Amino acid sequence: MNKDAGWAIGPNDESVTPSNDDEADAEDLYKKLEHDILPLYYENKPEWLRRMKCAITLGKYFSTHRCMEEYGEKAYRG
């Protein structure tokens, strides 16, 4: 997990298994907002901006265009 790309929601950040515990997820979200996200935004704008730029840059990888290119390459040309 790339911590510069944002914050995971859920009490177990390292797990890739979705949680069905909405209450635990909500509690974790509010905790992260209060202790991590909002303090970074209000107290360290340069770091906030750096992290947001990193997240936007990583987002371009997860696009429909890339997905279809990869699918075509692996399914038909591979």
PDB file of N, CA and C in Angstrom:
ATOM      1  N   MET A   1       0.848  -1.180   0.000  1.00  0.00           N
ATOM      2  CA  MET A   1       0.000   0.000   0.000  1.00  0.00           C
ATOM      3  C   MET A   1       0.889   1.237   0.000  1.00  0.00           C
ATOM      4  N   ASN A   2       0.553   2.209  -0.810  1.00  0.00           N
ATOM      5  CA  ASN A   2       1.297   3.455  -0.904  1.00  0.00           C
ATOM      6  C   ASN A   2       0.627   4.489  -0.003  1.00  0.00           C
ATOM      7  N   LYS A   3       1.247   4.790   1.123  1.00  0.00           N
ATOM      8  CA  LYS A   3       0.645   5.720   2.078  1.00  0.00           C
ATOM      9  C   LYS A   3       0.581   7.142   1.537  1.00  0.00           C
ATOM     10  N   ASP A   4       1.354   7.450   0.511  1.00  0.00           N
ATOM     11  CA  ASP A   4       1.293   8.779  -0.099  1.00  0.00           C
ATOM     12  C   ASP A   4       0.063   8.956  -0.976  1.00  0.00           C
ATOM     13  N   ALA A   5      -0.639   7.870  -1.266  1.00  0.00           N
ATOM     14  CA  ALA A   5      -1.777   7.931  -2.178  1.00  0.00           C
ATOM     15  C   ALA A   5      -3.096   8.221  -1.473  1.00  0.00           C
ATOM     16  N   GLY A   6      -3.096   8.260  -0.163  1.00  0.00           N
ATOM     17  CA  GLY A   6      -4.331   8.525   0.555  1.00  0.00           C
ATOM     18  C   GLY A   6      -4.441   7.685   1.809  1.00  0.00           C
ATOM     19  N   TRP A   7      -5.648   7.467   2.253  1.00  0.00           N
ATOM     20  CA  TRP A   7      -5.888   6.740   3.488  1.00  0.00           C
ATOM     21  C   TRP A   7      -6.858   5.596   3.226  1.00  0.00           C
ATOM     22  N   ALA A   8      -6.559   4.468   3.815  1.00  0.00           N
ATOM     23  CA  ALA A   8      -7.466   3.326   3.728  1.00  0.00           C
ATOM     24  C   ALA A   8      -8.560   3.499   4.769  1.00  0.00           C
ATOM     25  N   ILE A   9      -9.754   3.101   4.437  1.00  0.00           N
ATOM     26  CA  ILE A   9     -10.876   3.179   5.369  1.00  0.00           C
ATOM     27  C   ILE A   9     -11.141   1.783   5.910  1.00  0.00           C
ATOM     28  N   GLY A  10     -11.202   1.679   7.196  1.00  0.00           N
ATOM     29  CA  GLY A  10     -11.419   0.405   7.862  1.00  0.00           C
ATOM     30  C   GLY A  10     -10.356   0.202   8.919  1.00  0.00           C
ATOM     31  N   PRO A  11     -10.685  -0.487   9.967  1.00  0.00           N
ATOM     32  CA  PRO A  11      -9.747  -0.634  11.081  1.00  0.00           C
ATOM     33  C   PRO A  11      -8.505  -1.455  10.742  1.00  0.00           C
ATOM     34  N   ASN A  12      -8.550  -2.246   9.680  1.00  0.00           N
ATOM     35  CA  ASN A  12      -7.401  -3.063   9.317  1.00  0.00           C
ATOM     36  C   ASN A  12      -6.852  -2.561   7.987  1.00  0.00           C
ATOM     37  N   ASP A  13      -5.956  -1.587   8.025  1.00  0.00           N
ATOM     38  CA  ASP A  13      -5.422  -0.962   6.815  1.00  0.00           C
ATOM     39  C   ASP A  13      -4.677  -1.938   5.916  1.00  0.00           C
ATOM     40  N   GLU A  14      -4.076  -2.961   6.479  1.00  0.00           N
ATOM     41  CA  GLU A  14      -3.246  -3.874   5.702  1.00  0.00           C
ATOM     42  C   GLU A  14      -4.071  -4.932   4.979  1.00  0.00           C
ATOM     43  N   SER A  15      -5.329  -5.092   5.324  1.00  0.00           N
ATOM     44  CA  SER A  15      -6.162  -6.125   4.725  1.00  0.00           C
ATOM     45  C   SER A  15      -6.708  -5.664   3.376  1.00  0.00           C
ATOM     46  N   VAL A  16      -6.730  -6.560   2.419  1.00  0.00           N
ATOM     47  CA  VAL A  16      -7.350  -6.252   1.131  1.00  0.00           C
ATOM     48  C   VAL A  16      -8.745  -6.862   1.060  1.00  0.00           C
ATOM     49  N   THR A  17      -9.168  -7.487   2.143  1.00  0.00           N
ATOM     50  CA  THR A  17     -10.492  -8.087   2.217  1.00  0.00           C
ATOM     51  C   THR A  17     -11.494  -7.027   2.666  1.00  0.00           C
ATOM     52  N   PRO A  18     -12.571  -6.811   1.912  1.00  0.00           N
ATOM     53  CA  PRO A  18     -13.565  -5.818   2.315  1.00  0.00           C
ATOM     54  C   PRO A  18     -14.208  -6.184   3.656  1.00  0.00           C
ATOM     55  N   SER A  19     -14.526  -5.160   4.403  1.00  0.00           N
ATOM     56  CA  SER A  19     -15.172  -5.363   5.693  1.00  0.00           C
ATOM     57  C   SER A  19     -16.675  -5.171   5.540  1.00  0.00           C
ATOM     58  N   ASN A  20     -17.438  -5.972   6.237  1.00  0.00           N
ATOM     59  CA  ASN A  20     -18.885  -5.796   6.262  1.00  0.00           C
ATOM     60  C   ASN A  20     -19.337  -5.130   7.546  1.00  0.00           C
ATOM     61  N   ASP A  21     -18.388  -4.622   8.300  1.00  0.00           N
ATOM     62  CA  ASP A  21     -18.683  -3.987   9.579  1.00  0.00           C
ATOM     63  C   ASP A  21     -18.733  -2.470   9.375  1.00  0.00           C
ATOM     64  N   ASP A  22     -19.910  -1.975   8.972  1.00  0.00           N
ATOM     65  CA  ASP A  22     -20.067  -0.552   8.685  1.00  0.00           C
ATOM     66  C   ASP A  22     -19.764   0.316   9.896  1.00  0.00           C
ATOM     67  N   GLU A  23     -20.139  -0.136  11.055  1.00  0.00           N
ATOM     68  CA  GLU A  23     -19.907   0.645  12.276  1.00  0.00           C
ATOM     69  C   GLU A  23     -18.407   0.823  12.530  1.00  0.00           C
ATOM     70  N   ALA A  24     -17.649  -0.250  12.386  1.00  0.00           N
ATOM     71  CA  ALA A  24     -16.197  -0.172  12.584  1.00  0.00           C
ATOM     72  C   ALA A  24     -15.558   0.704  11.508  1.00  0.00           C
ATOM     73  N   ASP A  25     -16.039   0.591  10.272  1.00  0.00           N
ATOM     74  CA  ASP A  25     -15.509   1.420   9.191  1.00  0.00           C
ATOM     75  C   ASP A  25     -15.800   2.900   9.444  1.00  0.00           C
ATOM     76  N   ALA A  26     -17.009   3.216   9.877  1.00  0.00           N
ATOM     77  CA  ALA A  26     -17.372   4.606  10.162  1.00  0.00           C
ATOM     78  C   ALA A  26     -16.533   5.161  11.309  1.00  0.00           C
ATOM     79  N   GLU A  27     -16.363   4.368  12.358  1.00  0.00           N
ATOM     80  CA  GLU A  27     -15.551   4.805  13.498  1.00  0.00           C
ATOM     81  C   GLU A  27     -14.116   5.070  13.055  1.00  0.00           C
ATOM     82  N   ASP A  28     -13.575   4.194  12.215  1.00  0.00           N
ATOM     83  CA  ASP A  28     -12.211   4.374  11.725  1.00  0.00           C
ATOM     84  C   ASP A  28     -12.101   5.612  10.836  1.00  0.00           C
ATOM     85  N   LEU A  29     -13.093   5.848   9.993  1.00  0.00           N
ATOM     86  CA  LEU A  29     -13.093   7.027   9.135  1.00  0.00           C
ATOM     87  C   LEU A  29     -13.054   8.309   9.965  1.00  0.00           C
ATOM     88  N   TYR A  30     -13.930   8.412  10.963  1.00  0.00           N
ATOM     89  CA  TYR A  30     -13.967   9.613  11.805  1.00  0.00           C
ATOM     90  C   TYR A  30     -12.669   9.789  12.578  1.00  0.00           C
ATOM     91  N   LYS A  31     -12.089   8.690  13.027  1.00  0.00           N
ATOM     92  CA  LYS A  31     -10.820   8.742  13.754  1.00  0.00           C
ATOM     93  C   LYS A  31      -9.711   9.264  12.836  1.00  0.00           C
ATOM     94  N   LYS A  32      -9.669   8.759  11.600  1.00  0.00           N
ATOM     95  CA  LYS A  32      -8.636   9.207  10.655  1.00  0.00           C
ATOM     96  C   LYS A  32      -8.848  10.663  10.259  1.00  0.00           C
ATOM     97  N   LEU A  33     -10.101  11.062  10.079  1.00  0.00           N
ATOM     98  CA  LEU A  33     -10.367  12.468   9.772  1.00  0.00           C
ATOM     99  C   LEU A  33      -9.870  13.367  10.906  1.00  0.00           C
ATOM    100  N   GLU A  34     -10.186  13.015  12.134  1.00  0.00           N
ATOM    101  CA  GLU A  34      -9.833  13.842  13.292  1.00  0.00           C
ATOM    102  C   GLU A  34      -8.334  13.869  13.573  1.00  0.00           C
ATOM    103  N   HIS A  35      -7.676  12.732  13.449  1.00  0.00           N
ATOM    104  CA  HIS A  35      -6.284  12.644  13.896  1.00  0.00           C
ATOM    105  C   HIS A  35      -5.249  12.700  12.765  1.00  0.00           C
ATOM    106  N   ASP A  36      -5.640  12.398  11.533  1.00  0.00           N
ATOM    107  CA  ASP A  36      -4.664  12.342  10.446  1.00  0.00           C
ATOM    108  C   ASP A  36      -4.963  13.323   9.313  1.00  0.00           C
ATOM    109  N   ILE A  37      -6.145  13.217   8.755  1.00  0.00           N
ATOM    110  CA  ILE A  37      -6.453  13.944   7.525  1.00  0.00           C
ATOM    111  C   ILE A  37      -6.623  15.447   7.755  1.00  0.00           C
ATOM    112  N   LEU A  38      -7.530  15.817   8.653  1.00  0.00           N
ATOM    113  CA  LEU A  38      -7.766  17.249   8.881  1.00  0.00           C
ATOM    114  C   LEU A  38      -6.563  17.976   9.472  1.00  0.00           C
ATOM    115  N   PRO A  39      -5.843  17.392  10.440  1.00  0.00           N
ATOM    116  CA  PRO A  39      -4.633  18.081  10.914  1.00  0.00           C
ATOM    117  C   PRO A  39      -3.605  18.300   9.795  1.00  0.00           C
ATOM    118  N   LEU A  40      -3.438  17.326   8.923  1.00  0.00           N
ATOM    119  CA  LEU A  40      -2.505  17.498   7.817  1.00  0.00           C
ATOM    120  C   LEU A  40      -2.962  18.638   6.915  1.00  0.00           C
ATOM    121  N   TYR A  41      -4.243  18.682   6.608  1.00  0.00           N
ATOM    122  CA  TYR A  41      -4.780  19.737   5.738  1.00  0.00           C
ATOM    123  C   TYR A  41      -4.582  21.127   6.341  1.00  0.00           C
ATOM    124  N   TYR A  42      -4.900  21.276   7.621  1.00  0.00           N
ATOM    125  CA  TYR A  42      -4.841  22.602   8.246  1.00  0.00           C
ATOM    126  C   TYR A  42      -3.451  22.991   8.748  1.00  0.00           C
ATOM    127  N   GLU A  43      -2.600  22.029   9.055  1.00  0.00           N
ATOM    128  CA  GLU A  43      -1.323  22.348   9.685  1.00  0.00           C
ATOM    129  C   GLU A  43      -0.119  22.158   8.766  1.00  0.00           C
ATOM    130  N   ASN A  44      -0.279  21.482   7.654  1.00  0.00           N
ATOM    131  CA  ASN A  44       0.864  21.213   6.780  1.00  0.00           C
ATOM    132  C   ASN A  44       0.402  21.175   5.317  1.00  0.00           C
ATOM    133  N   LYS A  45       0.016  22.346   4.806  1.00  0.00           N
ATOM    134  CA  LYS A  45      -0.513  22.422   3.426  1.00  0.00           C
ATOM    135  C   LYS A  45       0.464  21.896   2.374  1.00  0.00           C
ATOM    136  N   PRO A  46       1.764  22.174   2.469  1.00  0.00           N
ATOM    137  CA  PRO A  46       2.667  21.622   1.445  1.00  0.00           C
ATOM    138  C   PRO A  46       2.635  20.087   1.388  1.00  0.00           C
ATOM    139  N   GLU A  47       2.606  19.436   2.544  1.00  0.00           N
ATOM    140  CA  GLU A  47       2.544  17.976   2.572  1.00  0.00           C
ATOM    141  C   GLU A  47       1.195  17.486   2.052  1.00  0.00           C
ATOM    142  N   TRP A  48       0.122  18.180   2.410  1.00  0.00           N
ATOM    143  CA  TRP A  48      -1.215  17.833   1.909  1.00  0.00           C
ATOM    144  C   TRP A  48      -1.231  17.883   0.380  1.00  0.00           C
ATOM    145  N   LEU A  49      -0.702  18.976  -0.180  1.00  0.00           N
ATOM    146  CA  LEU A  49      -0.682  19.134  -1.635  1.00  0.00           C
ATOM    147  C   LEU A  49       0.180  18.064  -2.301  1.00  0.00           C
ATOM    148  N   ARG A  50       1.312  17.732  -1.703  1.00  0.00           N
ATOM    149  CA  ARG A  50       2.171  16.696  -2.257  1.00  0.00           C
ATOM    150  C   ARG A  50       1.440  15.360  -2.307  1.00  0.00           C
ATOM    151  N   ARG A  51       0.757  15.032  -1.230  1.00  0.00           N
ATOM    152  CA  ARG A  51       0.026  13.762  -1.175  1.00  0.00           C
ATOM    153  C   ARG A  51      -1.140  13.738  -2.157  1.00  0.00           C
ATOM    154  N   MET A  52      -1.847  14.836  -2.305  1.00  0.00           N
ATOM    155  CA  MET A  52      -2.966  14.891  -3.243  1.00  0.00           C
ATOM    156  C   MET A  52      -2.465  14.762  -4.687  1.00  0.00           C
ATOM    157  N   LYS A  53      -1.336  15.402  -4.997  1.00  0.00           N
ATOM    158  CA  LYS A  53      -0.760  15.271  -6.337  1.00  0.00           C
ATOM    159  C   LYS A  53      -0.346  13.831  -6.605  1.00  0.00           C
ATOM    160  N   CYS A  54       0.204  13.177  -5.606  1.00  0.00           N
ATOM    161  CA  CYS A  54       0.591  11.774  -5.745  1.00  0.00           C
ATOM    162  C   CYS A  54      -0.647  10.912  -6.005  1.00  0.00           C
ATOM    163  N   ALA A  55      -1.717  11.158  -5.272  1.00  0.00           N
ATOM    164  CA  ALA A  55      -2.950  10.387  -5.443  1.00  0.00           C
ATOM    165  C   ALA A  55      -3.535  10.589  -6.846  1.00  0.00           C
ATOM    166  N   ILE A  56      -3.505  11.821  -7.330  1.00  0.00           N
ATOM    167  CA  ILE A  56      -4.014  12.114  -8.674  1.00  0.00           C
ATOM    168  C   ILE A  56      -3.160  11.427  -9.725  1.00  0.00           C
ATOM    169  N   THR A  57      -1.854  11.455  -9.547  1.00  0.00           N
ATOM    170  CA  THR A  57      -0.944  10.804 -10.485  1.00  0.00           C
ATOM    171  C   THR A  57      -1.191   9.303 -10.532  1.00  0.00           C
ATOM    172  N   LEU A  58      -1.385   8.678  -9.366  1.00  0.00           N
ATOM    173  CA  LEU A  58      -1.659   7.248  -9.332  1.00  0.00           C
ATOM    174  C   LEU A  58      -3.020   6.918  -9.932  1.00  0.00           C
ATOM    175  N   GLY A  59      -3.956   7.836  -9.832  1.00  0.00           N
ATOM    176  CA  GLY A  59      -5.297   7.612 -10.360  1.00  0.00           C
ATOM    177  C   GLY A  59      -5.331   7.414 -11.857  1.00  0.00           C
ATOM    178  N   LYS A  60      -4.393   8.003 -12.569  1.00  0.00           N
ATOM    179  CA  LYS A  60      -4.398   7.853 -14.030  1.00  0.00           C
ATOM    180  C   LYS A  60      -4.117   6.414 -14.450  1.00  0.00           C
ATOM    181  N   TYR A  61      -3.470   5.641 -13.585  1.00  0.00           N
ATOM    182  CA  TYR A  61      -3.202   4.239 -13.898  1.00  0.00           C
ATOM    183  C   TYR A  61      -4.499   3.430 -13.914  1.00  0.00           C
ATOM    184  N   PHE A  62      -5.439   3.786 -13.074  1.00  0.00           N
ATOM    185  CA  PHE A  62      -6.693   3.051 -12.953  1.00  0.00           C
ATOM    186  C   PHE A  62      -7.762   3.690 -13.845  1.00  0.00           C
ATOM    187  N   SER A  63      -7.563   3.578 -15.136  1.00  0.00           N
ATOM    188  CA  SER A  63      -8.506   4.171 -16.078  1.00  0.00           C
ATOM    189  C   SER A  63      -9.105   3.086 -16.970  1.00  0.00           C
ATOM    190  N   THR A  64     -10.242   3.376 -17.548  1.00  0.00           N
ATOM    191  CA  THR A  64     -10.887   2.450 -18.461  1.00  0.00           C
ATOM    192  C   THR A  64     -10.024   2.228 -19.698  1.00  0.00           C
ATOM    193  N   HIS A  65      -9.385   3.278 -20.175  1.00  0.00           N
ATOM    194  CA  HIS A  65      -8.541   3.162 -21.360  1.00  0.00           C
ATOM    195  C   HIS A  65      -7.412   2.161 -21.106  1.00  0.00           C
ATOM    196  N   ARG A  66      -6.701   2.298 -19.988  1.00  0.00           N
ATOM    197  CA  ARG A  66      -5.621   1.381 -19.658  1.00  0.00           C
ATOM    198  C   ARG A  66      -6.143  -0.028 -19.482  1.00  0.00           C
ATOM    199  N   CYS A  67      -7.287  -0.163 -18.847  1.00  0.00           N
ATOM    200  CA  CYS A  67      -7.884  -1.472 -18.613  1.00  0.00           C
ATOM    201  C   CYS A  67      -8.182  -2.170 -19.936  1.00  0.00           C
ATOM    202  N   MET A  68      -8.772  -1.476 -20.882  1.00  0.00           N
ATOM    203  CA  MET A  68      -9.110  -2.069 -22.171  1.00  0.00           C
ATOM    204  C   MET A  68      -7.854  -2.399 -22.977  1.00  0.00           C
ATOM    205  N   GLU A  69      -6.852  -1.539 -22.903  1.00  0.00           N
ATOM    206  CA  GLU A  69      -5.580  -1.822 -23.573  1.00  0.00           C
ATOM    207  C   GLU A  69      -4.957  -3.090 -23.019  1.00  0.00           C
ATOM    208  N   GLU A  70      -4.925  -3.204 -21.701  1.00  0.00           N
ATOM    209  CA  GLU A  70      -4.347  -4.383 -21.068  1.00  0.00           C
ATOM    210  C   GLU A  70      -5.163  -5.636 -21.388  1.00  0.00           C
ATOM    211  N   TYR A  71      -6.462  -5.513 -21.359  1.00  0.00           N
ATOM    212  CA  TYR A  71      -7.337  -6.648 -21.687  1.00  0.00           C
ATOM    213  C   TYR A  71      -7.086  -7.115 -23.129  1.00  0.00           C
ATOM    214  N   GLY A  72      -7.043  -6.169 -24.050  1.00  0.00           N
ATOM    215  CA  GLY A  72      -6.794  -6.512 -25.445  1.00  0.00           C
ATOM    216  C   GLY A  72      -5.436  -7.166 -25.629  1.00  0.00           C
ATOM    217  N   GLU A  73      -4.442  -6.651 -24.950  1.00  0.00           N
ATOM    218  CA  GLU A  73      -3.093  -7.201 -25.055  1.00  0.00           C
ATOM    219  C   GLU A  73      -3.034  -8.636 -24.519  1.00  0.00           C
ATOM    220  N   LYS A  74      -3.618  -8.848 -23.363  1.00  0.00           N
ATOM    221  CA  LYS A  74      -3.544 -10.167 -22.731  1.00  0.00           C
ATOM    222  C   LYS A  74      -4.510 -11.182 -23.345  1.00  0.00           C
ATOM    223  N   ALA A  75      -5.667 -10.745 -23.760  1.00  0.00           N
ATOM    224  CA  ALA A  75      -6.674 -11.675 -24.260  1.00  0.00           C
ATOM    225  C   ALA A  75      -6.512 -11.996 -25.745  1.00  0.00           C
ATOM    226  N   TYR A  76      -6.109 -11.017 -26.529  1.00  0.00           N
ATOM    227  CA  TYR A  76      -6.095 -11.223 -27.970  1.00  0.00           C
ATOM    228  C   TYR A  76      -4.697 -11.254 -28.595  1.00  0.00           C
ATOM    229  N   ARG A  77      -3.779 -10.517 -28.038  1.00  0.00           N
ATOM    230  CA  ARG A  77      -2.440 -10.446 -28.634  1.00  0.00           C
ATOM    231  C   ARG A  77      -1.425 -11.286 -27.869  1.00  0.00           C
ATOM    232  N   GLY A  78      -1.791 -11.706 -26.642  1.00  0.00           N
ATOM    233  CA  GLY A  78      -0.846 -12.384 -25.771  1.00  0.00           C
ATOM    234  C   GLY A  78      -0.754 -13.809 -26.054  1.00  0.00           C
TER     235      GLY A  78
END
